[in-house]
C-alpha atoms as a PDB file:
ATOM      1  CA  UNK A   1      33.620 -23.003 -10.059  1.00  0.00           C
ATOM      2  CA  UNK A   2      31.538 -19.898  -9.313  1.00  0.00           C
ATOM      3  CA  UNK A   3      31.866 -18.225  -5.928  1.00  0.00           C
ATOM      4  CA  UNK A   4      28.923 -18.632  -3.628  1.00  0.00           C
ATOM      5  CA  UNK A   5      26.987 -15.542  -2.641  1.00  0.00           C
ATOM      6  CA  UNK A   6      27.754 -14.212   0.839  1.00  0.00           C
ATOM      7  CA  UNK A   7      25.258 -15.338   3.489  1.00  0.00           C
ATOM      8  CA  UNK A   8      24.264 -11.713   4.149  1.00  0.00           C
ATOM      9  CA  UNK A   9      23.246 -11.196   0.520  1.00  0.00           C
ATOM     10  CA  UNK A  10      21.356 -14.482   0.356  1.00  0.00           C
ATOM     11  CA  UNK A  11      19.346 -13.645   3.476  1.00  0.00           C
ATOM     12  CA  UNK A  12      18.515 -10.196   2.107  1.00  0.00           C
ATOM     13  CA  UNK A  13      17.401 -11.669  -1.224  1.00  0.00           C
ATOM     14  CA  UNK A  14      15.203 -14.226   0.545  1.00  0.00           C
ATOM     15  CA  UNK A  15      13.463 -11.443   2.438  1.00  0.00           C
ATOM     16  CA  UNK A  16      12.889  -9.455  -0.754  1.00  0.00           C
ATOM     17  CA  UNK A  17      11.637 -12.438  -2.781  1.00  0.00           C
ATOM     18  CA  UNK A  18       9.285 -13.497   0.007  1.00  0.00           C
ATOM     19  CA  UNK A  19       7.910  -9.964   0.293  1.00  0.00           C
ATOM     20  CA  UNK A  20       7.370  -9.697  -3.479  1.00  0.00           C
ATOM     21  CA  UNK A  21       5.476 -13.004  -3.428  1.00  0.00           C
ATOM     22  CA  UNK A  22       3.149 -11.739  -0.671  1.00  0.00           C
ATOM     23  CA  UNK A  23       2.467  -8.552  -2.621  1.00  0.00           C
ATOM     24  CA  UNK A  24       1.778 -10.504  -5.817  1.00  0.00           C
ATOM     25  CA  UNK A  25      -0.639 -12.889  -4.093  1.00  0.00           C
ATOM     26  CA  UNK A  26      -2.493 -10.097  -2.269  1.00  0.00           C
ATOM     27  CA  UNK A  27      -2.906  -8.069  -5.473  1.00  0.00           C
ATOM     28  CA  UNK A  28      -4.082 -11.135  -7.398  1.00  0.00           C
ATOM     29  CA  UNK A  29      -6.704 -12.402  -4.948  1.00  0.00           C
ATOM     30  CA  UNK A  30      -8.332  -8.971  -4.826  1.00  0.00           C
ATOM     31  CA  UNK A  31     -10.213  -9.823  -8.000  1.00  0.00           C
ATOM     32  CA  UNK A  32     -11.564 -13.121  -6.626  1.00  0.00           C
ATOM     33  CA  UNK A  33     -14.329 -11.199  -4.868  1.00  0.00           C
ATOM     34  CA  UNK A  34     -15.619  -9.982  -8.249  1.00  0.00           C
ATOM     35  CA  UNK A  35     -17.622 -12.925  -9.557  1.00  0.00           C
ATOM     36  CA  UNK A  36     -19.558 -13.389 -12.766  1.00  0.00           C
ATOM     37  CA  UNK A  37     -23.245 -13.217 -11.760  1.00  0.00           C
ATOM     38  CA  UNK A  38     -25.283 -16.398 -12.088  1.00  0.00           C
ATOM     39  CA  UNK A  39     -28.378 -16.123 -14.252  1.00  0.00           C
ATOM     40  CA  UNK A  40     -30.993 -18.316 -15.803  1.00  0.00           C
ATOM     41  CA  UNK A  41     -29.840 -18.920 -19.373  1.00  0.00           C
ATOM     42  CA  UNK A  42     -33.451 -18.776 -20.606  1.00  0.00           C
ATOM     43  CA  UNK A  43     -33.974 -15.133 -19.664  1.00  0.00           C
ATOM     44  CA  UNK A  44     -30.622 -13.545 -20.538  1.00  0.00           C
ATOM     45  CA  UNK A  45     -30.715 -10.249 -22.410  1.00  0.00           C
ATOM     46  CA  UNK A  46     -28.358  -7.309 -22.834  1.00  0.00           C
ATOM     47  CA  UNK A  47     -30.388  -5.159 -20.464  1.00  0.00           C
ATOM     48  CA  UNK A  48     -30.241  -7.834 -17.763  1.00  0.00           C
ATOM     49  CA  UNK A  49     -26.493  -8.250 -18.286  1.00  0.00           C
ATOM     50  CA  UNK A  50     -25.942  -4.488 -17.941  1.00  0.00           C
ATOM     51  CA  UNK A  51     -28.045  -4.503 -14.777  1.00  0.00           C
ATOM     52  CA  UNK A  52     -26.025  -7.368 -13.275  1.00  0.00           C
ATOM     53  CA  UNK A  53     -22.781  -5.646 -14.265  1.00  0.00           C
ATOM     54  CA  UNK A  54     -23.941  -2.465 -12.525  1.00  0.00           C
ATOM     55  CA  UNK A  55     -24.290  -4.447  -9.287  1.00  0.00           C
ATOM     56  CA  UNK A  56     -20.627  -5.453  -9.592  1.00  0.00           C
ATOM     57  CA  UNK A  57     -19.319  -1.904 -10.110  1.00  0.00           C
ATOM     58  CA  UNK A  58     -18.699  -1.163  -6.373  1.00  0.00           C
ATOM     59  CA  UNK A  59     -16.603  -4.323  -6.113  1.00  0.00           C
ATOM     60  CA  UNK A  60     -14.693  -3.481  -9.301  1.00  0.00           C
ATOM     61  CA  UNK A  61     -13.958   0.012  -7.992  1.00  0.00           C
ATOM     62  CA  UNK A  62     -12.818  -1.463  -4.668  1.00  0.00           C
ATOM     63  CA  UNK A  63     -10.449  -3.824  -6.482  1.00  0.00           C
ATOM     64  CA  UNK A  64      -8.972  -1.011  -8.584  1.00  0.00           C
ATOM     65  CA  UNK A  65      -8.447   1.302  -5.595  1.00  0.00           C
ATOM     66  CA  UNK A  66      -6.884  -1.417  -3.439  1.00  0.00           C
ATOM     67  CA  UNK A  67      -4.745  -2.654  -6.329  1.00  0.00           C
ATOM     68  CA  UNK A  68      -3.135   0.757  -6.675  1.00  0.00           C
ATOM     69  CA  UNK A  69      -2.865   1.264  -2.904  1.00  0.00           C
ATOM     70  CA  UNK A  70      -1.034  -2.056  -2.550  1.00  0.00           C
ATOM     71  CA  UNK A  71       0.957  -1.137  -5.652  1.00  0.00           C
ATOM     72  CA  UNK A  72       2.072   2.130  -4.042  1.00  0.00           C
ATOM     73  CA  UNK A  73       3.225   0.239  -0.972  1.00  0.00           C
ATOM     74  CA  UNK A  74       5.057  -2.262  -3.168  1.00  0.00           C
ATOM     75  CA  UNK A  75       6.850   0.604  -4.926  1.00  0.00           C
ATOM     76  CA  UNK A  76       7.790   2.075  -1.538  1.00  0.00           C
ATOM     77  CA  UNK A  77       9.026  -1.329  -0.351  1.00  0.00           C
ATOM     78  CA  UNK A  78      10.941  -1.743  -3.612  1.00  0.00           C
ATOM     79  CA  UNK A  79      12.617   1.646  -3.132  1.00  0.00           C
ATOM     80  CA  UNK A  80      13.485   0.879   0.467  1.00  0.00           C
ATOM     81  CA  UNK A  81      15.240  -2.381  -0.325  1.00  0.00           C
ATOM     82  CA  UNK A  82      16.972  -0.680  -3.222  1.00  0.00           C
ATOM     83  CA  UNK A  83      18.802   1.286  -0.532  1.00  0.00           C
ATOM     84  CA  UNK A  84      19.315  -1.594   1.910  1.00  0.00           C
ATOM     85  CA  UNK A  85      22.809  -3.026   1.585  1.00  0.00           C
ATOM     86  CA  UNK A  86      22.986  -5.344   4.599  1.00  0.00           C
ATOM     87  CA  UNK A  87      20.735  -7.964   6.113  1.00  0.00           C
ATOM     88  CA  UNK A  88      19.906  -7.632   9.803  1.00  0.00           C
ATOM     89  CA  UNK A  89      17.487  -9.630  11.934  1.00  0.00           C
ATOM     90  CA  UNK A  90      15.956  -6.342  13.135  1.00  0.00           C
ATOM     91  CA  UNK A  91      14.331  -6.071   9.707  1.00  0.00           C
ATOM     92  CA  UNK A  92      12.538  -9.429   9.962  1.00  0.00           C
ATOM     93  CA  UNK A  93       9.655  -8.719  12.341  1.00  0.00           C
ATOM     94  CA  UNK A  94       8.908  -5.178  11.124  1.00  0.00           C
ATOM     95  CA  UNK A  95       8.819  -6.532   7.566  1.00  0.00           C
ATOM     96  CA  UNK A  96       6.531  -9.413   8.584  1.00  0.00           C
ATOM     97  CA  UNK A  97       4.165  -7.070  10.424  1.00  0.00           C
ATOM     98  CA  UNK A  98       4.083  -4.824   7.365  1.00  0.00           C
ATOM     99  CA  UNK A  99       3.206  -7.811   5.147  1.00  0.00           C
ATOM    100  CA  UNK A 100       0.521  -8.867   7.629  1.00  0.00           C
ATOM    101  CA  UNK A 101      -1.345  -5.634   6.983  1.00  0.00           C
ATOM    102  CA  UNK A 102      -0.987  -6.205   3.232  1.00  0.00           C
ATOM    103  CA  UNK A 103      -2.586  -9.673   3.276  1.00  0.00           C
ATOM    104  CA  UNK A 104      -5.612  -8.321   5.159  1.00  0.00           C
ATOM    105  CA  UNK A 105      -6.324  -5.772   2.430  1.00  0.00           C
ATOM    106  CA  UNK A 106      -8.271  -8.183   0.160  1.00  0.00           C
ATOM    107  CA  UNK A 107     -10.581  -8.930   3.113  1.00  0.00           C
ATOM    108  CA  UNK A 108     -11.200  -5.303   4.096  1.00  0.00           C
ATOM    109  CA  UNK A 109     -11.664  -4.433   0.405  1.00  0.00           C
ATOM    110  CA  UNK A 110     -14.282  -7.175  -0.022  1.00  0.00           C
ATOM    111  CA  UNK A 111     -15.994  -6.119   3.212  1.00  0.00           C
ATOM    112  CA  UNK A 112     -16.168  -2.504   2.059  1.00  0.00           C
ATOM    113  CA  UNK A 113     -17.422  -3.455  -1.415  1.00  0.00           C
ATOM    114  CA  UNK A 114     -20.076  -5.799  -0.049  1.00  0.00           C
ATOM    115  CA  UNK A 115     -21.496  -3.553   2.659  1.00  0.00           C
ATOM    116  CA  UNK A 116     -20.732  -0.050   1.390  1.00  0.00           C
ATOM    117  CA  UNK A 117     -23.602   2.310   2.022  1.00  0.00           C
ATOM    118  CA  UNK A 118     -23.457   6.110   2.456  1.00  0.00           C
ATOM    119  CA  UNK A 119     -25.328   5.621   5.716  1.00  0.00           C
ATOM    120  CA  UNK A 120     -22.782   3.173   7.148  1.00  0.00           C
ATOM    121  CA  UNK A 121     -19.408   4.170   8.564  1.00  0.00           C
ATOM    122  CA  UNK A 122     -18.045   0.847   9.833  1.00  0.00           C
ATOM    123  CA  UNK A 123     -16.961  -0.640   6.417  1.00  0.00           C
ATOM    124  CA  UNK A 124     -15.128   2.576   5.477  1.00  0.00           C
ATOM    125  CA  UNK A 125     -13.464   2.851   8.888  1.00  0.00           C
ATOM    126  CA  UNK A 126     -12.314  -0.782   8.838  1.00  0.00           C
ATOM    127  CA  UNK A 127     -10.784  -0.325   5.382  1.00  0.00           C
ATOM    128  CA  UNK A 128      -9.126   2.969   6.352  1.00  0.00           C
ATOM    129  CA  UNK A 129      -7.733   1.470   9.575  1.00  0.00           C
ATOM    130  CA  UNK A 130      -6.168  -1.351   7.545  1.00  0.00           C
ATOM    131  CA  UNK A 131      -4.444   1.139   5.251  1.00  0.00           C
ATOM    132  CA  UNK A 132      -3.367   3.315   8.181  1.00  0.00           C
ATOM    133  CA  UNK A 133      -1.759   0.329   9.902  1.00  0.00           C
ATOM    134  CA  UNK A 134      -0.014  -0.523   6.625  1.00  0.00           C
ATOM    135  CA  UNK A 135       1.329   3.017   6.399  1.00  0.00           C
ATOM    136  CA  UNK A 136       2.567   3.045   9.971  1.00  0.00           C
ATOM    137  CA  UNK A 137       4.212  -0.360   9.503  1.00  0.00           C
ATOM    138  CA  UNK A 138       5.876   0.940   6.335  1.00  0.00           C
ATOM    139  CA  UNK A 139       7.117   4.018   8.208  1.00  0.00           C
ATOM    140  CA  UNK A 140       8.506   1.790  10.966  1.00  0.00           C
ATOM    141  CA  UNK A 141      10.336  -0.314   8.393  1.00  0.00           C
ATOM    142  CA  UNK A 142      11.826   2.789   6.780  1.00  0.00           C
ATOM    143  CA  UNK A 143      12.904   4.089  10.202  1.00  0.00           C
ATOM    144  CA  UNK A 144      14.774   0.897  11.082  1.00  0.00           C
ATOM    145  CA  UNK A 145      16.337   0.324   7.677  1.00  0.00           C
ATOM    146  CA  UNK A 146      17.662   3.887   7.435  1.00  0.00           C
ATOM    147  CA  UNK A 147      18.703   4.251  11.089  1.00  0.00           C
ATOM    148  CA  UNK A 148      22.314   5.438  11.255  1.00  0.00           C
ATOM    149  CA  UNK A 149      22.780   3.279  14.369  1.00  0.00           C
ATOM    150  CA  UNK A 150      22.437   0.070  12.328  1.00  0.00           C
ATOM    151  CA  UNK A 151      23.895   1.430   9.053  1.00  0.00           C
ATOM    152  CA  UNK A 152      21.929  -1.041   6.911  1.00  0.00           C
ATOM    153  CA  UNK A 153      21.319   1.179   3.900  1.00  0.00           C
ATOM    154  CA  UNK A 154      23.166   3.494   1.544  1.00  0.00           C
ATOM    155  CA  UNK A 155      21.228   6.502   2.911  1.00  0.00           C
ATOM    156  CA  UNK A 156      21.747   5.823   6.622  1.00  0.00           C
ATOM    157  CA  UNK A 157      23.894   8.948   6.898  1.00  0.00           C
ATOM    158  CA  UNK A 158      21.854  11.052   4.466  1.00  0.00           C
ATOM    159  CA  UNK A 159      19.478  12.984   6.733  1.00  0.00           C
ATOM    160  CA  UNK A 160      17.727  14.814   3.896  1.00  0.00           C
ATOM    161  CA  UNK A 161      16.897  11.710   1.863  1.00  0.00           C
ATOM    162  CA  UNK A 162      15.795   9.877   5.008  1.00  0.00           C
ATOM    163  CA  UNK A 163      13.439  12.694   5.933  1.00  0.00           C
ATOM    164  CA  UNK A 164      12.047  12.746   2.406  1.00  0.00           C
ATOM    165  CA  UNK A 165      11.204   9.034   2.277  1.00  0.00           C
ATOM    166  CA  UNK A 166       9.843   8.936   5.822  1.00  0.00           C
ATOM    167  CA  UNK A 167       7.624  11.933   5.003  1.00  0.00           C
ATOM    168  CA  UNK A 168       6.296  10.124   1.945  1.00  0.00           C
ATOM    169  CA  UNK A 169       5.699   6.982   4.016  1.00  0.00           C
ATOM    170  CA  UNK A 170       3.255   8.979   6.144  1.00  0.00           C
ATOM    171  CA  UNK A 171       1.319  10.387   3.161  1.00  0.00           C
ATOM    172  CA  UNK A 172      -1.192   7.570   2.662  1.00  0.00           C
ATOM    173  CA  UNK A 173      -1.939   7.002   6.377  1.00  0.00           C
ATOM    174  CA  UNK A 174      -2.404  10.764   6.818  1.00  0.00           C
ATOM    175  CA  UNK A 175      -4.964  10.881   4.000  1.00  0.00           C
ATOM    176  CA  UNK A 176      -6.802   7.834   5.312  1.00  0.00           C
ATOM    177  CA  UNK A 177      -6.864   9.293   8.806  1.00  0.00           C
ATOM    178  CA  UNK A 178      -8.910  12.099   7.269  1.00  0.00           C
ATOM    179  CA  UNK A 179     -11.025   9.429   5.567  1.00  0.00           C
ATOM    180  CA  UNK A 180     -11.875   7.993   8.992  1.00  0.00           C
ATOM    181  CA  UNK A 181     -12.781  11.408  10.404  1.00  0.00           C
ATOM    182  CA  UNK A 182     -14.885  12.435   7.392  1.00  0.00           C
ATOM    183  CA  UNK A 183     -16.685   9.086   7.289  1.00  0.00           C
ATOM    184  CA  UNK A 184     -18.632  10.222  10.353  1.00  0.00           C
ATOM    185  CA  UNK A 185     -20.022  13.073   8.250  1.00  0.00           C
ATOM    186  CA  UNK A 186     -20.778  11.188   5.044  1.00  0.00           C
ATOM    187  CA  UNK A 187     -20.112   7.778   3.545  1.00  0.00           C
ATOM    188  CA  UNK A 188     -19.010   9.054   0.129  1.00  0.00           C
ATOM    189  CA  UNK A 189     -17.124  12.288   0.884  1.00  0.00           C
ATOM    190  CA  UNK A 190     -13.982  10.469   2.176  1.00  0.00           C
ATOM    191  CA  UNK A 191     -13.348   8.919  -1.241  1.00  0.00           C
ATOM    192  CA  UNK A 192     -12.939  12.382  -2.740  1.00  0.00           C
ATOM    193  CA  UNK A 193      -9.635  12.524  -0.837  1.00  0.00           C
ATOM    194  CA  UNK A 194      -8.030   9.580  -2.672  1.00  0.00           C
ATOM    195  CA  UNK A 195      -6.894  11.599  -5.745  1.00  0.00           C
ATOM    196  CA  UNK A 196      -4.986  13.873  -3.355  1.00  0.00           C
ATOM    197  CA  UNK A 197      -2.470  11.124  -2.519  1.00  0.00           C
ATOM    198  CA  UNK A 198      -0.320  11.707  -5.651  1.00  0.00           C
ATOM    199  CA  UNK A 199      -0.831  15.462  -5.231  1.00  0.00           C
ATOM    200  CA  UNK A 200       0.566  15.366  -1.680  1.00  0.00           C
ATOM    201  CA  UNK A 201       3.556  13.231  -2.717  1.00  0.00           C
ATOM    202  CA  UNK A 202       4.248  15.658  -5.581  1.00  0.00           C
ATOM    203  CA  UNK A 203       4.349  18.650  -3.231  1.00  0.00           C
ATOM    204  CA  UNK A 204       6.565  16.769  -0.771  1.00  0.00           C
ATOM    205  CA  UNK A 205       9.085  16.138  -3.540  1.00  0.00           C
ATOM    206  CA  UNK A 206       8.782  19.731  -4.722  1.00  0.00           C
ATOM    207  CA  UNK A 207       9.349  21.011  -1.197  1.00  0.00           C
ATOM    208  CA  UNK A 208      12.571  19.047  -0.806  1.00  0.00           C
ATOM    209  CA  UNK A 209      13.798  20.074  -4.260  1.00  0.00           C
ATOM    210  CA  UNK A 210      13.210  23.747  -3.484  1.00  0.00           C
ATOM    211  CA  UNK A 211      14.696  23.642   0.013  1.00  0.00           C
ATOM    212  CA  UNK A 212      17.761  21.491  -0.663  1.00  0.00           C
ATOM    213  CA  UNK A 213      19.894  22.290  -3.688  1.00  0.00           C
ATOM    214  CA  UNK A 214      20.881  19.198  -5.629  1.00  0.00           C
ATOM    215  CA  UNK A 215      18.222  17.021  -4.008  1.00  0.00           C
ATOM    216  CA  UNK A 216      17.489  13.943  -6.117  1.00  0.00           C
ATOM    217  CA  UNK A 217      15.488  10.814  -5.407  1.00  0.00           C
ATOM    218  CA  UNK A 218      17.768   7.902  -6.320  1.00  0.00           C
ATOM    219  CA  UNK A 219      15.077   5.297  -6.941  1.00  0.00           C
END
């Protein structure tokens, strides 16, 4: 007869599986806002189809951007729980609050795609606020899980690696804070900042590699 898994491990796995399911659902329903346009079958032509497709481009772009933003947060969450070795109830509410911000992303994405206009700031700000709250919730989760007081992860005592991951957790919210500020100047300029997210994370990693000999990201 096989030994049963310890309760601590089972509880940790339940939290991880539940979180993965929320991520999967949120990333999937993003595309539901992109609908095939309805047309009169008697007047369909290639030019009309291209015109209708052009109307859907803002929504398609919104889906792609949000898909990768949620994907980046899933990767971060995946890395975090790769370090976590013990279940603790202190992880429950911070993890739930983090997931709450994730499930709102399809709504704010659809709102931005539907009402985006260079002359409007509210759709951009609402979307950026959602992502900022997600980033702050992610940072909070990293802070608790790697706190040496609770000793829940394999890097609880590794100050350098903790600083590295917590710095990366603030990358996306920092960029989207600039998005909010620049949205008051122009409705399209803020989106020029999005490609800088991987650039910033690259330089963070480079900084830690140069400053600390032997630094290596485990996951």
